[in-house]
């Protein structure tokens, strides 16, 4: 039953006006906190936004997607070493968490916590949608949410009760595209054709290609949706965020020189 439910899941971008009770939301966070994390340090936090004006203030950072303001709750999950560092310092310990390793650990923690929350939320009749825009505008979200040193927003979620009708379930690549047994089996031109052909032949994707004046679906991704110029720009923004928030300790090392020259 649970497997069948998970197979049928979809991202929800339209919600009813029904609010989410505070007691339910807190219970979902409590359940999510039982998920695995790095060394039981729980290097994550979440900012809950319910206020309409606050959501409207953040909407431009998420490219003004309607669901940001229409969902009853907007959640921002953060990689957070701030709390642990303050605890360690107050207990006469010497934390060394101003580095990329800690950021990676905290990011993993934050994503595990976020996904555990999603699983619990969906099991209780709620719908969710991940916002991939958080990392693009992390600097602006840090300012809007007043995130302190050693805290970086990783991903945001809209949460609410799904409105009818439910959206169509998007396609996914077959297991062959993802699963490698014993060692990585690199892809051949033939296997790439086999894996991507069903996706390329979907009517909705054929329409995307035509609407964007491209020859292939891959070109829609590389030339329109995720361009090299945008990827490089947002990479620079995020590197600056990591440095300002304390996760890139710059010293006289080859890594430090790399960051300075990036």
Protein backbone atom coordinates (compact mmCIF):
# COMPACT_ATOMS: atom_id res chain seq x y z
CA UNK A 1 0.00 0.00 0.00
CA UNK A 2 2.77 2.44 0.95
CA UNK A 3 4.83 1.53 -2.14
CA UNK A 4 1.82 2.04 -4.39
CA UNK A 5 1.14 5.42 -2.80
CA UNK A 6 4.75 6.52 -3.30
CA UNK A 7 4.68 5.38 -6.93
CA UNK A 8 1.68 7.63 -7.52
CA UNK A 9 3.09 10.74 -5.84
CA UNK A 10 3.38 14.06 -7.64
CA UNK A 11 4.40 17.61 -6.87
CA UNK A 12 1.45 19.80 -5.87
CA UNK A 13 1.46 23.41 -7.06
CA UNK A 14 -2.18 24.31 -6.35
CA UNK A 15 -3.65 24.22 -2.85
CA UNK A 16 -6.99 24.69 -1.13
CA UNK A 17 -7.45 27.59 1.29
CA UNK A 18 -7.47 25.19 4.25
CA UNK A 19 -4.77 26.04 6.77
CA UNK A 20 -2.38 23.49 8.26
CA UNK A 21 -2.85 23.17 12.03
CA UNK A 22 0.23 24.13 14.03
CA UNK A 23 -0.04 20.89 15.99
CA UNK A 24 0.13 18.81 12.79
CA UNK A 25 3.05 20.80 11.41
CA UNK A 26 5.00 20.42 14.63
CA UNK A 27 4.28 16.69 14.74
CA UNK A 28 5.57 16.34 11.17
CA UNK A 29 8.79 18.14 12.13
CA UNK A 30 9.17 15.89 15.16
CA UNK A 31 8.77 12.79 12.99
CA UNK A 32 11.16 14.16 10.36
CA UNK A 33 13.80 14.78 13.03
CA UNK A 34 14.01 11.02 13.54
CA UNK A 35 15.72 10.67 10.18
CA UNK A 36 19.43 9.89 9.91
CA UNK A 37 21.93 12.73 10.22
CA UNK A 38 25.65 13.34 10.61
CA UNK A 39 26.94 12.22 14.01
CA UNK A 40 23.61 13.11 15.63
CA UNK A 41 24.59 16.77 15.37
CA UNK A 42 21.45 17.64 13.35
CA UNK A 43 23.14 20.35 11.32
CA UNK A 44 19.90 21.76 9.93
CA UNK A 45 17.08 24.15 10.70
CA UNK A 46 13.84 25.20 9.03
CA UNK A 47 12.16 28.60 8.80
CA UNK A 48 8.36 28.44 8.69
CA UNK A 49 6.66 31.24 6.77
CA UNK A 50 2.90 31.63 7.13
CA UNK A 51 2.52 35.41 6.98
CA UNK A 52 1.25 36.60 3.59
CA UNK A 53 3.50 39.64 3.47
CA UNK A 54 6.55 37.54 4.29
CA UNK A 55 5.71 35.12 1.48
CA UNK A 56 5.21 38.01 -0.94
CA UNK A 57 8.59 39.40 0.08
CA UNK A 58 10.24 36.08 -0.74
CA UNK A 59 8.28 35.39 -3.93
CA UNK A 60 10.67 37.25 -6.27
CA UNK A 61 13.53 35.08 -5.00
CA UNK A 62 11.54 32.07 -6.24
CA UNK A 63 10.86 33.66 -9.64
CA UNK A 64 7.35 34.69 -8.50
CA UNK A 65 5.89 31.20 -8.76
CA UNK A 66 2.25 31.54 -7.70
CA UNK A 67 2.38 28.64 -5.27
CA UNK A 68 4.86 30.53 -3.06
CA UNK A 69 2.16 32.99 -1.99
CA UNK A 70 -0.87 30.74 -2.45
CA UNK A 71 0.33 27.81 -0.33
CA UNK A 72 -0.59 28.15 3.36
CA UNK A 73 3.00 27.39 4.41
CA UNK A 74 6.40 28.07 2.88
CA UNK A 75 9.32 26.19 4.46
CA UNK A 76 12.99 27.05 4.03
CA UNK A 77 15.37 24.26 5.05
CA UNK A 78 18.87 25.37 5.94
CA UNK A 79 22.31 23.89 6.44
CA UNK A 80 22.98 25.10 9.98
CA UNK A 81 26.21 24.79 11.96
CA UNK A 82 25.46 27.94 13.98
CA UNK A 83 23.55 26.23 16.77
CA UNK A 84 26.09 23.43 17.23
CA UNK A 85 29.06 25.82 17.19
CA UNK A 86 27.48 28.03 19.86
CA UNK A 87 26.76 25.00 22.04
CA UNK A 88 30.31 23.70 21.64
CA UNK A 89 31.82 27.10 22.43
CA UNK A 90 29.69 27.48 25.57
CA UNK A 91 30.94 24.08 26.73
CA UNK A 92 34.64 24.94 26.36
CA UNK A 93 35.00 22.94 23.14
CA UNK A 94 36.82 24.17 20.02
CA UNK A 95 34.60 23.64 16.99
CA UNK A 96 36.19 23.47 13.54
CA UNK A 97 33.14 23.77 11.33
CA UNK A 98 34.03 26.77 9.13
CA UNK A 99 34.77 24.60 6.11
CA UNK A 100 33.35 22.89 3.05
CA UNK A 101 33.24 19.46 4.70
CA UNK A 102 30.83 20.76 7.34
CA UNK A 103 28.71 22.47 4.71
CA UNK A 104 28.39 19.22 2.77
CA UNK A 105 27.44 17.33 5.94
CA UNK A 106 24.92 20.02 6.89
CA UNK A 107 23.46 20.00 3.38
CA UNK A 108 22.98 16.24 3.52
CA UNK A 109 21.37 16.60 6.95
CA UNK A 110 19.03 19.36 5.74
CA UNK A 111 17.93 17.38 2.68
CA UNK A 112 17.34 14.20 4.67
CA UNK A 113 15.25 16.20 7.14
CA UNK A 114 13.33 17.89 4.32
CA UNK A 115 12.56 14.63 2.54
CA UNK A 116 11.52 12.91 5.77
CA UNK A 117 9.16 15.84 6.36
CA UNK A 118 7.75 15.43 2.84
CA UNK A 119 7.13 11.73 3.33
CA UNK A 120 5.33 12.37 6.61
CA UNK A 121 3.35 15.28 5.16
CA UNK A 122 2.15 13.31 2.14
CA UNK A 123 1.21 10.38 4.35
CA UNK A 124 -1.07 12.81 6.22
CA UNK A 125 -2.87 14.11 3.15
CA UNK A 126 -0.73 17.16 2.43
CA UNK A 127 0.88 18.04 -0.87
CA UNK A 128 4.36 19.49 -1.31
CA UNK A 129 6.50 21.00 -4.01
CA UNK A 130 10.25 21.51 -3.86
CA UNK A 131 11.56 24.91 -4.99
CA UNK A 132 14.90 24.62 -6.76
CA UNK A 133 15.25 28.40 -6.76
CA UNK A 134 16.52 28.62 -3.17
CA UNK A 135 20.18 28.06 -4.02
CA UNK A 136 19.97 30.57 -6.90
CA UNK A 137 19.02 33.43 -4.61
CA UNK A 138 20.50 32.24 -1.34
CA UNK A 139 22.03 35.66 -0.68
CA UNK A 140 18.65 37.40 -0.86
CA UNK A 141 16.90 34.72 1.20
CA UNK A 142 19.59 35.02 3.87
CA UNK A 143 18.81 38.71 4.14
CA UNK A 144 15.03 38.27 4.11
CA UNK A 145 15.08 35.57 6.80
CA UNK A 146 17.92 37.16 8.79
CA UNK A 147 19.98 33.97 8.72
CA UNK A 148 23.12 34.25 10.87
CA UNK A 149 26.71 33.17 10.25
CA UNK A 150 27.09 29.45 9.45
CA UNK A 151 23.50 29.15 8.17
CA UNK A 152 22.73 28.77 4.45
CA UNK A 153 19.32 28.07 2.83
CA UNK A 154 19.39 24.86 0.82
CA UNK A 155 15.85 24.15 -0.37
CA UNK A 156 12.34 25.47 0.10
CA UNK A 157 8.97 23.72 0.06
CA UNK A 158 5.43 24.87 -0.45
CA UNK A 159 3.01 22.83 1.67
CA UNK A 160 -0.77 22.59 1.75
CA UNK A 161 -3.82 20.49 1.05
CA UNK A 162 -3.97 19.61 -2.67
CA UNK A 163 -6.60 21.29 -4.81
CA UNK A 164 -8.52 19.23 -7.35
CA UNK A 165 -7.90 18.13 -9.99
CA UNK A 166 -4.50 16.66 -9.21
CA UNK A 167 -1.80 17.34 -11.80
CA UNK A 168 -0.60 14.70 -14.23
CA UNK A 169 2.23 12.60 -12.88
CA UNK A 170 5.48 13.54 -14.68
CA UNK A 171 7.57 10.90 -16.39
CA UNK A 172 10.71 9.41 -14.86
CA UNK A 173 13.68 7.69 -16.43
CA UNK A 174 13.68 3.87 -16.23
CA UNK A 175 15.70 2.03 -13.55
CA UNK A 176 18.33 1.23 -16.20
CA UNK A 177 19.29 4.92 -16.20
CA UNK A 178 19.98 5.02 -12.48
CA UNK A 179 21.02 1.62 -11.15
CA UNK A 180 24.54 0.25 -11.56
CA UNK A 181 25.39 -3.20 -10.21
CA UNK A 182 28.76 -3.73 -8.51
CA UNK A 183 30.45 -0.93 -10.48
CA UNK A 184 29.47 2.02 -12.65
CA UNK A 185 28.55 0.95 -16.18
CA UNK A 186 29.12 3.92 -18.45
CA UNK A 187 26.51 4.75 -21.05
CA UNK A 188 26.87 4.02 -24.73
CA UNK A 189 25.18 5.97 -27.52
CA UNK A 190 22.77 3.04 -27.86
CA UNK A 191 21.84 3.00 -24.17
CA UNK A 192 21.38 6.78 -24.13
CA UNK A 193 18.98 6.49 -27.08
CA UNK A 194 17.09 3.67 -25.35
CA UNK A 195 16.83 5.48 -22.01
CA UNK A 196 15.73 8.88 -23.31
CA UNK A 197 13.57 7.89 -26.30
CA UNK A 198 10.31 7.45 -24.30
CA UNK A 199 10.77 10.89 -22.71
CA UNK A 200 11.59 12.53 -26.03
CA UNK A 201 8.50 11.04 -27.65
CA UNK A 202 6.04 12.37 -25.05
CA UNK A 203 3.66 14.84 -26.64
CA UNK A 204 4.26 17.45 -23.94
CA UNK A 205 8.01 17.31 -24.57
CA UNK A 206 7.61 17.47 -28.34
CA UNK A 207 5.58 20.62 -27.70
CA UNK A 208 8.38 22.10 -25.55
CA UNK A 209 10.83 21.56 -28.39
CA UNK A 210 8.58 23.29 -30.94
CA UNK A 211 7.63 26.18 -28.63
CA UNK A 212 11.27 26.95 -27.95
CA UNK A 213 12.36 26.67 -31.57
CA UNK A 214 14.81 23.87 -30.85
CA UNK A 215 15.69 20.62 -32.60
CA UNK A 216 15.90 18.36 -29.55
CA UNK A 217 14.62 18.18 -25.98
CA UNK A 218 18.20 18.27 -24.73
CA UNK A 219 18.61 21.70 -26.34
CA UNK A 220 15.62 22.98 -24.35
CA UNK A 221 17.47 22.03 -21.17
CA UNK A 222 20.89 23.40 -22.18
CA UNK A 223 19.91 26.47 -24.21
CA UNK A 224 16.74 27.64 -22.45
CA UNK A 225 16.16 26.20 -18.98
CA UNK A 226 19.65 25.69 -17.54
CA UNK A 227 22.10 27.71 -19.57
CA UNK A 228 25.85 27.68 -19.04
CA UNK A 229 25.81 31.44 -18.37
CA UNK A 230 23.15 31.12 -15.65
CA UNK A 231 24.85 28.11 -14.08
CA UNK A 232 28.15 29.96 -13.86
CA UNK A 233 26.52 33.14 -12.51
CA UNK A 234 24.60 31.35 -9.76
CA UNK A 235 27.69 29.30 -8.94
CA UNK A 236 29.61 32.50 -8.28
CA UNK A 237 26.75 33.86 -6.17
CA UNK A 238 26.63 30.69 -4.09
CA UNK A 239 30.39 30.54 -3.59
CA UNK A 240 30.22 34.10 -2.28
CA UNK A 241 27.37 33.09 0.04
CA UNK A 242 29.38 30.16 1.42
CA UNK A 243 32.36 32.41 2.05
CA UNK A 244 30.33 35.15 3.76
CA UNK A 245 28.38 32.66 5.87
CA UNK A 246 31.59 31.02 7.08
CA UNK A 247 31.65 27.68 5.29
CA UNK A 248 34.74 28.39 3.19
CA UNK A 249 37.67 28.95 5.48
CA UNK A 250 40.17 30.78 3.28
CA UNK A 251 43.82 30.15 4.13
CA UNK A 252 47.09 29.75 2.34
CA UNK A 253 46.08 26.49 0.75
CA UNK A 254 45.52 25.37 -2.80
CA UNK A 255 41.79 25.26 -2.03
CA UNK A 256 41.88 28.82 -0.74
CA UNK A 257 43.69 29.96 -3.87
CA UNK A 258 41.10 28.16 -6.00
CA UNK A 259 38.25 29.98 -4.28
CA UNK A 260 39.98 33.35 -4.63
CA UNK A 261 40.49 32.73 -8.34
CA UNK A 262 37.01 31.36 -9.00
